Protein backbone atom coordinates (compact mmCIF):
# COMPACT_ATOMS: atom_id res chain seq x y z
CA GLY A 1 0.02 0.37 -0.72
CA GLN A 2 0.37 3.38 -0.38
CA PHE A 3 2.81 5.48 2.54
CA VAL A 4 0.65 7.28 4.34
CA PRO A 5 2.52 10.20 6.50
CA ALA A 6 1.18 11.19 10.57
CA PRO A 7 0.17 14.92 10.08
CA LYS A 8 2.26 17.86 11.05
CA ALA A 9 0.54 18.92 12.78
CA ASN A 10 -3.68 19.45 13.93
CA PHE A 11 -5.28 22.59 15.68
CA LYS A 12 -9.15 21.39 16.31
CA PHE A 13 -9.39 25.78 17.78
CA ASN A 14 -11.56 23.99 20.94
CA ASP A 15 -9.66 24.56 23.70
CA GLY A 16 -12.43 27.01 24.95
CA ALA A 17 -10.65 29.55 26.71
CA GLY A 18 -6.75 31.53 26.46
CA THR A 19 -4.62 33.23 24.25
CA GLU A 20 -3.38 30.14 23.04
CA VAL A 21 -4.32 26.59 21.31
CA LYS A 22 -2.77 24.26 21.45
CA SER A 23 -1.90 21.25 19.00
CA ALA A 24 -4.89 17.94 20.06
CA ASP A 25 -0.45 16.06 20.38
CA GLY A 26 -0.17 19.39 22.76
CA LYS A 27 3.50 19.71 21.35
CA LEU A 28 2.77 22.92 19.33
CA THR A 29 1.22 26.32 20.85
CA GLY A 30 -0.17 28.90 18.68
CA HIS A 31 -1.60 32.35 19.95
CA THR A 32 -4.76 34.67 19.40
CA ASP A 33 -4.60 38.50 18.78
CA GLY A 34 -8.34 39.06 19.61
CA ALA A 35 -10.20 35.87 18.82
CA GLN A 36 -13.29 35.35 20.73
CA TRP A 37 -14.37 32.17 22.11
CA VAL A 38 -17.92 31.39 21.65
CA HIS A 39 -19.99 28.58 21.28
CA ASP A 40 -20.88 26.66 18.74
CA ASP A 41 -24.37 24.93 18.68
CA ALA A 42 -23.34 22.22 16.30
CA PHE A 43 -20.29 21.16 17.70
CA GLY A 44 -21.65 20.84 21.01
CA GLU A 45 -18.44 23.58 22.39
CA TYR A 46 -16.60 25.91 21.47
CA VAL A 47 -14.34 27.22 19.30
CA LEU A 48 -13.20 30.37 17.56
CA GLN A 49 -14.61 33.61 16.20
CA CYS A 50 -13.00 35.43 13.79
CA THR A 51 -13.95 39.11 12.93
CA LYS A 52 -12.81 41.27 10.52
CA GLU A 53 -13.34 44.37 11.57
CA LYS A 54 -11.30 44.00 14.66
CA SER A 55 -8.40 42.05 12.31
CA ASN A 56 -8.96 39.42 15.06
CA SER A 57 -6.33 35.96 14.44
CA ILE A 58 -4.67 32.94 14.97
CA THR A 59 -0.40 32.44 14.62
CA LEU A 60 1.00 29.52 14.31
CA PRO A 61 3.87 28.44 14.74
CA ASP A 62 6.14 26.83 11.04
CA ILE A 63 4.93 23.82 9.84
CA ALA A 64 6.99 22.47 7.05
CA TYR A 65 4.20 20.88 4.97
CA GLY A 66 5.23 19.14 1.43
CA LYS A 67 8.66 17.93 2.94
CA ASP A 68 10.61 14.99 4.50
CA HIS A 69 9.00 11.98 3.82
CA ASN A 70 4.94 13.46 2.72
CA HIS A 71 7.53 13.63 -0.87
CA GLY A 72 5.75 16.81 -2.07
CA GLY A 73 2.34 16.33 -0.42
CA PHE A 74 0.48 17.87 1.80
CA THR A 75 -3.11 18.50 2.91
CA VAL A 76 -4.76 21.77 4.81
CA SER A 77 -8.38 21.13 5.66
CA PHE A 78 -10.70 23.42 8.02
CA TRP A 79 -14.09 24.64 8.96
CA PHE A 80 -15.17 26.99 8.82
CA LYS A 81 -19.02 29.39 8.83
CA ASN A 82 -19.27 32.89 7.12
CA PRO A 83 -22.21 34.51 7.80
CA SER A 84 -21.04 37.44 5.29
CA SER A 85 -18.27 38.93 3.65
CA PRO A 86 -19.28 42.38 3.24
CA GLY A 87 -17.02 44.75 0.68
CA PHE A 88 -15.06 44.86 -2.53
CA LEU A 89 -12.02 42.71 -2.04
CA PHE A 90 -11.44 40.32 0.42
CA GLU A 91 -11.51 37.92 4.02
CA TYR A 92 -8.59 36.18 4.32
CA ILE A 93 -8.85 32.52 6.22
CA TYR A 94 -5.51 31.30 6.18
CA SER A 95 -2.01 33.02 4.94
CA HIS A 96 0.94 30.64 5.94
CA GLY A 97 5.23 31.47 4.39
CA GLN A 98 8.54 33.43 5.34
CA ASP A 99 7.17 36.36 3.50
CA VAL A 100 3.53 36.11 3.67
CA GLN A 101 3.31 38.50 0.26
CA ARG A 102 1.15 37.48 -1.96
CA TRP A 103 2.35 36.48 -4.96
CA ALA A 104 5.76 35.02 -2.90
CA ARG A 105 7.57 31.98 -3.17
CA ASP A 106 7.09 28.91 -0.81
CA ASN A 107 3.28 29.83 0.57
CA LEU A 108 -0.33 29.34 0.95
CA HIS A 109 -3.29 31.69 0.83
CA VAL A 110 -7.29 31.25 0.66
CA TYR A 111 -9.63 33.80 1.26
CA LEU A 112 -12.26 34.55 0.02
CA PRO A 113 -13.78 37.10 -2.43
CA GLU A 114 -15.89 39.98 -0.92
CA GLU A 115 -19.74 40.33 -1.01
CA SER A 116 -18.80 42.69 -3.85
CA HIS A 117 -16.47 40.86 -5.61
CA PRO A 118 -17.68 39.04 -8.51
CA ALA A 119 -15.83 36.51 -7.55
CA SER A 120 -18.08 36.43 -3.75
CA GLY A 121 -18.79 32.66 -3.17
CA VAL A 122 -15.91 30.77 -3.80
CA VAL A 123 -12.88 29.97 -2.03
CA ARG A 124 -10.41 31.03 -4.17
CA THR A 125 -6.08 30.35 -2.93
CA ILE A 126 -2.77 31.36 -3.99
CA ILE A 127 -0.01 28.45 -3.74
CA LYS A 128 3.89 28.85 -4.42
CA ASP A 129 6.75 26.28 -4.38
CA GLU A 130 10.57 27.01 -4.19
CA ASP A 131 9.51 26.66 -8.13
CA ASP A 132 7.98 28.61 -8.44
CA ASP A 133 8.57 31.55 -11.05
CA SER A 134 8.04 34.31 -8.73
CA GLU A 135 6.65 36.28 -11.40
CA SER A 136 3.06 33.57 -11.80
CA GLU A 137 0.20 34.74 -10.91
CA TYR A 138 -1.79 32.53 -10.23
CA TYR A 139 -5.15 31.45 -8.21
CA LEU A 140 -7.44 28.60 -7.80
CA ASP A 141 -11.86 29.13 -7.09
CA SER A 142 -13.16 25.71 -5.33
CA ASP A 143 -15.30 25.86 -8.00
CA GLY A 144 -12.87 24.07 -10.30
CA GLU A 145 -11.67 27.67 -12.23
CA ILE A 146 -8.46 28.97 -11.87
CA ASN A 147 -8.10 32.55 -12.86
CA ASN A 148 -11.19 33.55 -13.26
CA ASN A 149 -12.58 37.70 -11.36
CA SER A 150 -15.83 36.43 -13.73
CA PRO A 151 -19.34 36.11 -11.95
CA ARG A 152 -20.85 33.11 -10.24
CA ALA A 153 -24.26 32.14 -11.39
CA LEU A 154 -23.27 29.10 -12.49
CA PRO A 155 -25.44 25.44 -11.65
CA GLY A 156 -24.09 23.66 -9.62
CA GLN A 157 -21.39 26.50 -7.53
CA VAL A 158 -22.21 26.36 -3.31
CA ASP A 159 -22.45 29.47 -2.51
CA VAL A 160 -19.77 29.14 0.94
CA ASN A 161 -20.93 32.03 2.50
CA ASP A 162 -24.28 30.96 3.04
CA GLY A 163 -24.41 30.76 6.16
C-alpha cells in the first residue's frame, strides 16, 4: 500500500478559553489576537470567532509541510462559518509562508472574495512552492476555475457564504 504520513500538526481550536491554542498532541502552541471563544451548537463545544472589523487573527508555529517523508504532498483542511462578507476585496482565512506576500514563493493563502467582488461565493487559493516563478500569478477557486474574476452565478455552484 501507499505510505500515508502522520499529520505534522492538528489544531482543533476548541480549547475554550485563553489566548493560546494547542495542537491535538500538545507539542505545538499558537496564539490568538482578539479572537473570542463562543459556543457553537453544531459542534457542541467552544470555537474561535474572528471578525474582520477587529482584525482578529490566530498565529500558529511554522510547519514544514510537504517536505521529508511527505514527498512534496500535503493537505490543509478546516471548517469555517462565514455568515457575511461585506466589502469588495478579500477576507483571508489562512496564510502561511516566510514572506506573506500574495505572490511570493513558498506561500499558501486561502481567502474569500467579498460580497461586492464578482467572484464572491467561492474559496480562493494561491499556492507557490520554491520552484515557482516569482512573477507567475495563478489562483484556484473552489468551483474549479483558475484565474477567473467573472461573476459566479453558475449552475451547481455552492456558495460558501450561505451561513
